[in-house]
Amino acid sequence: MNTDFVNLTTENLVNEHLCCIIRSKKPHQGIDAKRQWLSDRLKDGHVFRKLNARATVFIEYAPLETAWVPIIGDNYYYLYCLWVSGSHKGKGYGKSLMEYCLADAKERGKSGICMLGAKKQKSWLSDQSFAKRFGFEVVDTTDNGYELLALSFDGTTPKFAQNVKNQVIENKELTIYYDMQCPYVYQNIEMIKQYCEMNDVPVSLIQMEILKFAQEKYSNGETTLQMLDDYIETDALYLLDEPEVSLSPANQTLLAEKINEMSRFLGCQFIISTHSPFMLATLYAKIYNLDSRELEVVNWADLENVRYFYDFFQRHKNKFK
């Protein structure tokens, strides 16, 4: 058994094999994306430990506070992935990697380690029966069969964020949240995108690029509102392209009110393209009709798409009595 393991660092990341089962002599966009994703996380205590060989033998974990998962807990490690495949199975590599993670957690005074599981083992999840041999137990569940497993050193336990248990988002079309941690993600997202385009299936593909959003699992619409609260700076110009997408009418109005406040109190300027009558009616803004031949300021109620709403509800006004 080869006991030569290596931890990825910012210095060796470029040249080390990433242990993925994807085999390609040519540059692979998924692996390149994974490498970039890792380079941005190693400074946060992210650990990727692998067999020093071109093999799929590795463990990947990180402090729960900086892990890209909607799980709440203090002073835990989150185990993303433990994978041993092919001819390397049955040689004790998985045991060695798990023992390394446990020893690392105890040395750093962690409260425990947690990982995602399911009532029925899924191929893309680490083997939870293997984890249970080390003392991992189910500490939280969702109604659709997912489980949170934890090995606690001090009696505390983590839990799923509430939004995970709600299992409801504002957007009603097919919505996929993703990041580039797994090399398979890139090609799978491209396959989904092509299928939806060929079959006219509405889809929202939302790449999670901010840790807070990944942990709290905002919907696409909620992300828009949260971005305004957290990242708008004073005295700046912002270009917004149809920011109402995925927002309910109530949240479209709320968004417009936030924009009004930021324009008034923070000195911000906004150039916005929108079809939303709720935003058009709420914004304190000059409105230009880009469908007309002459660029002119217009009343929002005179716009064609707004008139369509008006005419529609007029035809059905008896339904509101």
Protein backbone atom coordinates (compact mmCIF):
# COMPACT_ATOMS: atom_id res chain seq x y z
CA MET A 1 0.00 0.00 0.00
CA ASN A 2 1.33 3.40 -0.99
CA THR A 3 1.18 5.65 2.10
CA ASP A 4 2.49 8.73 0.31
CA PHE A 5 -0.20 11.42 0.55
CA VAL A 6 -0.03 15.10 -0.36
CA ASN A 7 -2.15 18.10 0.63
CA LEU A 8 -2.88 20.63 -2.09
CA THR A 9 -1.51 24.12 -1.56
CA THR A 10 -1.45 27.31 -3.58
CA GLU A 11 2.12 26.38 -4.54
CA ASN A 12 1.47 22.86 -5.88
CA LEU A 13 -2.13 23.22 -7.07
CA VAL A 14 -1.24 23.95 -10.69
CA ASN A 15 0.76 20.78 -11.20
CA GLU A 16 -1.01 18.24 -8.99
CA HIS A 17 -3.51 15.75 -10.40
CA LEU A 18 -6.95 16.50 -8.94
CA CYS A 19 -7.94 12.83 -8.51
CA CYS A 20 -11.11 13.19 -10.57
CA ILE A 21 -12.33 10.16 -12.50
CA ILE A 22 -12.50 12.36 -15.62
CA ARG A 23 -9.73 11.20 -17.95
CA SER A 24 -8.53 13.68 -20.56
CA LYS A 25 -5.08 14.50 -21.95
CA LYS A 26 -6.46 17.77 -23.26
CA PRO A 27 -7.39 20.69 -20.97
CA HIS A 28 -10.81 19.99 -19.46
CA GLN A 29 -12.96 23.01 -18.55
CA GLY A 30 -14.51 21.25 -15.56
CA ILE A 31 -11.12 20.39 -14.07
CA ASP A 32 -9.79 23.87 -14.83
CA ALA A 33 -12.85 25.35 -13.09
CA LYS A 34 -12.30 23.07 -10.09
CA ARG A 35 -8.66 24.12 -9.87
CA GLN A 36 -9.68 27.79 -9.88
CA TRP A 37 -12.39 27.10 -7.29
CA LEU A 38 -9.81 25.45 -5.01
CA SER A 39 -7.31 28.26 -5.42
CA ASP A 40 -9.91 30.66 -4.01
CA ARG A 41 -10.73 28.41 -1.02
CA LEU A 42 -7.40 27.09 0.29
CA LYS A 43 -6.77 30.30 2.19
CA ASP A 44 -10.04 29.68 4.11
CA GLY A 45 -8.77 26.42 5.60
CA HIS A 46 -10.09 24.17 2.81
CA VAL A 47 -8.27 20.82 2.79
CA PHE A 48 -7.77 18.57 -0.24
CA ARG A 49 -5.63 15.55 0.61
CA LYS A 50 -4.84 12.98 -2.05
CA LEU A 51 -2.75 9.92 -2.79
CA ASN A 52 0.48 11.00 -4.47
CA ALA A 53 -0.46 9.24 -7.71
CA ARG A 54 -2.74 9.66 -10.71
CA ALA A 55 -5.59 7.95 -8.91
CA THR A 56 -9.04 8.73 -7.53
CA VAL A 57 -8.11 8.58 -3.87
CA PHE A 58 -8.79 11.75 -1.88
CA ILE A 59 -10.64 13.50 0.93
CA GLU A 60 -11.92 17.08 0.80
CA TYR A 61 -13.20 19.07 3.77
CA ALA A 62 -13.37 22.61 5.16
CA PRO A 63 -14.44 24.58 8.25
CA LEU A 64 -18.23 24.64 8.27
CA GLU A 65 -18.15 28.42 8.63
CA THR A 66 -16.56 28.70 5.17
CA ALA A 67 -18.14 25.62 3.58
CA TRP A 68 -20.42 26.22 0.60
CA VAL A 69 -23.39 24.35 2.09
CA PRO A 70 -26.66 25.45 3.76
CA ILE A 71 -25.79 23.88 7.12
CA ILE A 72 -25.70 25.73 10.44
CA GLY A 73 -23.20 24.79 13.14
CA ASP A 74 -20.29 26.11 15.19
CA ASN A 75 -16.68 24.97 15.07
CA TYR A 76 -17.30 21.94 12.82
CA TYR A 77 -15.55 20.57 9.79
CA TYR A 78 -17.75 19.78 6.79
CA LEU A 79 -16.64 16.71 4.84
CA TYR A 80 -17.39 17.39 1.17
CA CYS A 81 -16.09 14.19 -0.35
CA LEU A 82 -14.21 11.00 0.50
CA TRP A 83 -13.59 8.92 -2.60
CA VAL A 84 -11.54 5.82 -3.31
CA SER A 85 -12.21 4.07 -6.62
CA GLY A 86 -11.04 1.31 -8.92
CA SER A 87 -8.12 -0.92 -8.02
CA HIS A 88 -7.34 1.22 -4.96
CA LYS A 89 -10.42 0.02 -3.08
CA GLY A 90 -9.90 -2.36 -0.17
CA LYS A 91 -6.35 -1.22 0.58
CA GLY A 92 -7.09 0.97 3.60
CA TYR A 93 -6.86 4.32 1.81
CA GLY A 94 -10.33 5.44 2.89
CA LYS A 95 -9.55 4.58 6.52
CA SER A 96 -6.27 6.49 6.38
CA LEU A 97 -7.91 9.58 4.90
CA MET A 98 -10.78 9.57 7.40
CA GLU A 99 -8.39 9.11 10.31
CA TYR A 100 -6.34 12.06 9.04
CA CYS A 101 -9.47 14.25 8.97
CA LEU A 102 -10.48 13.18 12.49
CA ALA A 103 -6.98 13.80 13.86
CA ASP A 104 -6.84 17.21 12.15
CA ALA A 105 -10.23 18.18 13.63
CA LYS A 106 -9.21 17.15 17.16
CA GLU A 107 -5.83 18.87 16.91
CA ARG A 108 -7.54 22.11 15.91
CA GLY A 109 -10.10 21.85 18.73
CA LYS A 110 -13.08 21.32 16.46
CA SER A 111 -16.45 20.34 17.92
CA GLY A 112 -16.87 17.61 15.33
CA ILE A 113 -17.24 16.72 11.65
CA CYS A 114 -20.43 16.59 9.57
CA MET A 115 -21.34 15.39 6.10
CA LEU A 116 -24.35 15.04 3.80
CA GLY A 117 -26.09 11.69 3.51
CA ALA A 118 -29.43 10.24 2.44
CA LYS A 119 -31.82 7.53 3.58
CA LYS A 120 -31.00 5.72 0.35
CA GLN A 121 -27.31 5.94 -0.55
CA LYS A 122 -26.73 8.09 -3.63
CA SER A 123 -23.83 7.44 -5.99
CA TRP A 124 -22.52 10.99 -5.74
CA LEU A 125 -22.46 11.04 -1.92
CA SER A 126 -19.64 9.65 0.20
CA ASP A 127 -20.36 6.19 1.63
CA GLN A 128 -22.33 6.95 4.79
CA SER A 129 -22.20 3.34 6.04
CA PHE A 130 -18.40 3.72 6.03
CA ALA A 131 -18.68 7.00 7.97
CA LYS A 132 -20.96 5.40 10.56
CA ARG A 133 -18.20 2.92 11.43
CA PHE A 134 -16.29 5.92 12.77
CA GLY A 135 -19.22 7.07 14.90
CA PHE A 136 -21.10 9.38 12.53
CA GLU A 137 -24.82 9.58 13.37
CA VAL A 138 -27.86 11.16 11.72
CA VAL A 139 -28.57 14.49 13.46
CA ASP A 140 -31.03 16.13 11.05
CA THR A 141 -33.21 15.16 8.09
CA THR A 142 -35.34 16.65 5.31
CA ASP A 143 -38.73 15.45 4.11
CA ASN A 144 -37.29 14.37 0.76
CA GLY A 145 -34.84 11.88 2.20
CA TYR A 146 -31.60 13.76 2.83
CA GLU A 147 -29.75 13.35 6.10
CA LEU A 148 -27.10 15.31 7.95
CA LEU A 149 -24.56 13.04 9.61
CA ALA A 150 -22.25 14.24 12.36
CA LEU A 151 -19.50 12.93 14.57
CA SER A 152 -19.58 15.19 17.64
CA PHE A 153 -16.64 15.52 20.03
CA ASP A 154 -18.42 17.76 22.57
CA GLY A 155 -22.14 16.91 22.33
CA THR A 156 -23.07 19.82 20.02
CA THR A 157 -24.67 19.10 16.65
CA PRO A 158 -25.16 21.05 13.42
CA LYS A 159 -28.44 21.29 11.49
CA PHE A 160 -29.81 22.09 8.04
CA ALA A 161 -30.62 25.75 7.38
CA GLN A 162 -34.35 26.41 7.45
CA ASN A 163 -34.51 27.21 3.74
CA VAL A 164 -33.39 23.64 3.00
CA LYS A 165 -36.38 22.26 4.89
CA ASN A 166 -38.82 24.69 3.28
CA GLN A 167 -38.05 23.15 -0.13
CA VAL A 168 -39.81 26.08 -1.81
CA ILE A 169 -38.33 28.91 -3.84
CA GLU A 170 -39.97 31.92 -5.39
CA ASN A 171 -39.02 30.96 -8.92
CA LYS A 172 -41.41 28.33 -10.33
CA GLU A 173 -39.39 27.27 -13.37
CA LEU A 174 -36.61 24.69 -13.33
CA THR A 175 -33.96 26.30 -11.11
CA ILE A 176 -30.47 24.92 -10.54
CA TYR A 177 -28.01 26.37 -8.05
CA TYR A 178 -24.41 25.31 -8.62
CA ASP A 179 -20.78 26.11 -8.08
CA MET A 180 -17.64 24.76 -9.73
CA GLN A 181 -16.38 22.57 -6.89
CA CYS A 182 -17.01 19.32 -8.76
CA PRO A 183 -15.37 18.89 -12.20
CA TYR A 184 -18.54 17.20 -13.47
CA VAL A 185 -20.63 20.33 -12.89
CA TYR A 186 -19.40 22.24 -15.95
CA GLN A 187 -20.34 19.56 -18.49
CA ASN A 188 -23.63 18.74 -16.76
CA ILE A 189 -24.70 22.38 -16.74
CA GLU A 190 -23.89 22.61 -20.44
CA MET A 191 -25.94 19.46 -21.14
CA ILE A 192 -28.93 20.84 -19.21
CA LYS A 193 -28.63 24.20 -20.95
CA GLN A 194 -28.59 22.57 -24.41
CA TYR A 195 -31.52 20.28 -23.60
CA CYS A 196 -33.65 23.15 -22.29
CA GLU A 197 -32.87 25.28 -25.34
CA MET A 198 -33.74 22.44 -27.75
CA ASN A 199 -36.99 21.62 -25.93
CA ASP A 200 -38.08 25.15 -24.96
CA VAL A 201 -37.88 24.37 -21.25
CA PRO A 202 -37.62 27.52 -19.09
CA VAL A 203 -34.62 27.24 -16.79
CA SER A 204 -32.64 29.40 -14.36
CA LEU A 205 -29.01 28.34 -13.92
CA ILE A 206 -27.65 30.22 -10.93
CA GLN A 207 -23.94 30.00 -10.17
CA MET A 208 -23.25 30.58 -6.49
CA GLU A 209 -20.23 32.86 -6.33
CA ILE A 210 -20.77 34.39 -2.90
CA LEU A 211 -20.39 32.24 0.23
CA LYS A 212 -23.31 33.81 2.07
CA PHE A 213 -25.74 32.94 -0.71
CA ALA A 214 -24.50 29.36 -0.88
CA GLN A 215 -24.94 28.90 2.85
CA GLU A 216 -28.37 30.53 3.11
CA LYS A 217 -29.64 29.26 -0.25
CA TYR A 218 -31.40 32.41 -1.43
CA SER A 219 -33.66 32.11 -4.42
CA ASN A 220 -32.62 34.00 -7.53
CA GLY A 221 -35.02 36.81 -6.64
CA GLU A 222 -33.92 36.93 -3.02
CA THR A 223 -30.32 37.12 -4.19
CA THR A 224 -31.15 40.28 -6.15
CA LEU A 225 -32.61 41.93 -3.05
CA GLN A 226 -29.76 40.77 -0.82
CA MET A 227 -27.16 42.05 -3.26
CA LEU A 228 -28.62 45.53 -2.96
CA ASP A 229 -28.42 45.41 0.82
CA ASP A 230 -24.90 44.02 1.02
CA TYR A 231 -22.92 45.26 -1.97
CA ILE A 232 -24.23 48.63 -3.19
CA GLU A 233 -21.72 51.43 -2.63
CA THR A 234 -22.38 55.16 -2.33
CA ASP A 235 -22.05 57.60 -5.23
CA ALA A 236 -21.89 54.88 -7.86
CA LEU A 237 -23.58 54.14 -11.18
CA TYR A 238 -25.36 50.78 -11.63
CA LEU A 239 -26.73 49.19 -14.80
CA LEU A 240 -29.56 46.71 -14.11
CA ASP A 241 -30.91 44.47 -16.86
CA GLU A 242 -34.45 43.30 -16.05
CA PRO A 243 -33.83 42.96 -12.30
CA GLU A 244 -37.47 41.91 -11.83
CA VAL A 245 -36.78 38.45 -13.28
CA SER A 246 -37.74 35.75 -10.72
CA LEU A 247 -39.25 38.33 -8.35
CA SER A 248 -42.89 38.27 -7.28
CA PRO A 249 -44.93 41.46 -7.87
CA ALA A 250 -44.58 42.32 -4.18
CA ASN A 251 -40.79 41.94 -4.31
CA GLN A 252 -40.60 43.85 -7.59
CA THR A 253 -42.24 46.76 -5.78
CA LEU A 254 -39.89 46.29 -2.82
CA LEU A 255 -36.91 46.31 -5.16
CA ALA A 256 -38.07 49.56 -6.75
CA GLU A 257 -38.51 51.12 -3.31
CA LYS A 258 -34.97 50.07 -2.34
CA ILE A 259 -33.62 51.63 -5.54
CA ASN A 260 -35.48 54.86 -4.75
CA GLU A 261 -33.93 54.95 -1.25
CA MET A 262 -30.42 54.27 -2.52
CA SER A 263 -30.74 56.95 -5.15
CA ARG A 264 -31.97 59.47 -2.58
CA PHE A 265 -29.79 58.68 0.44
CA LEU A 266 -26.65 57.08 -1.02
CA GLY A 267 -26.20 59.22 -4.10
CA CYS A 268 -26.46 56.23 -6.44
CA GLN A 269 -27.61 56.41 -10.05
CA PHE A 270 -29.35 53.56 -11.82
CA ILE A 271 -29.95 52.81 -15.50
CA ILE A 272 -32.57 50.06 -15.63
CA SER A 273 -34.17 48.09 -18.43
CA THR A 274 -37.49 46.64 -17.28
CA HIS A 275 -40.90 45.46 -18.45
CA SER A 276 -42.38 45.39 -14.96
CA PRO A 277 -45.36 47.71 -14.45
CA PHE A 278 -44.82 47.36 -10.70
CA MET A 279 -41.31 48.75 -10.96
CA LEU A 280 -42.22 51.36 -13.54
CA ALA A 281 -45.00 52.67 -11.32
CA THR A 282 -42.87 52.74 -8.17
CA LEU A 283 -39.55 54.11 -9.39
CA TYR A 284 -38.92 57.85 -9.16
CA ALA A 285 -37.34 57.83 -12.60
CA LYS A 286 -37.52 59.23 -16.10
CA ILE A 287 -38.92 56.51 -18.34
CA TYR A 288 -37.81 56.16 -21.94
CA ASN A 289 -39.65 53.98 -24.41
CA LEU A 290 -36.95 52.18 -26.38
CA ASP A 291 -39.56 50.70 -28.74
CA SER A 292 -40.37 54.10 -30.20
CA ARG A 293 -38.43 55.63 -33.05
CA GLU A 294 -37.70 58.74 -31.10
CA LEU A 295 -36.12 58.46 -27.65
CA GLU A 296 -38.63 60.29 -25.51
CA VAL A 297 -39.76 60.45 -21.90
CA VAL A 298 -43.13 58.77 -21.44
CA ASN A 299 -45.70 58.09 -18.75
CA TRP A 300 -45.41 54.49 -17.52
CA ALA A 301 -49.18 53.98 -17.89
CA ASP A 302 -48.95 54.69 -21.63
CA LEU A 303 -46.45 51.92 -22.38
CA GLU A 304 -47.76 49.11 -24.58
CA ASN A 305 -46.93 46.26 -22.21
CA VAL A 306 -48.54 48.14 -19.29
CA ARG A 307 -51.66 48.77 -21.36
CA TYR A 308 -51.78 45.05 -22.06
CA PHE A 309 -51.99 44.38 -18.32
CA TYR A 310 -54.69 47.02 -17.97
CA ASP A 311 -56.76 45.65 -20.83
CA PHE A 312 -56.43 42.09 -19.54
CA PHE A 313 -57.70 42.96 -16.08
CA GLN A 314 -60.45 45.12 -17.52
CA ARG A 315 -61.71 42.09 -19.47
CA HIS A 316 -61.74 40.04 -16.27
CA LYS A 317 -62.75 42.69 -13.76
CA ASN A 318 -65.93 40.78 -12.89
CA LYS A 319 -63.69 38.13 -11.31
CA PHE A 320 -62.58 40.63 -8.67
CA LYS A 321 -66.03 41.40 -7.31
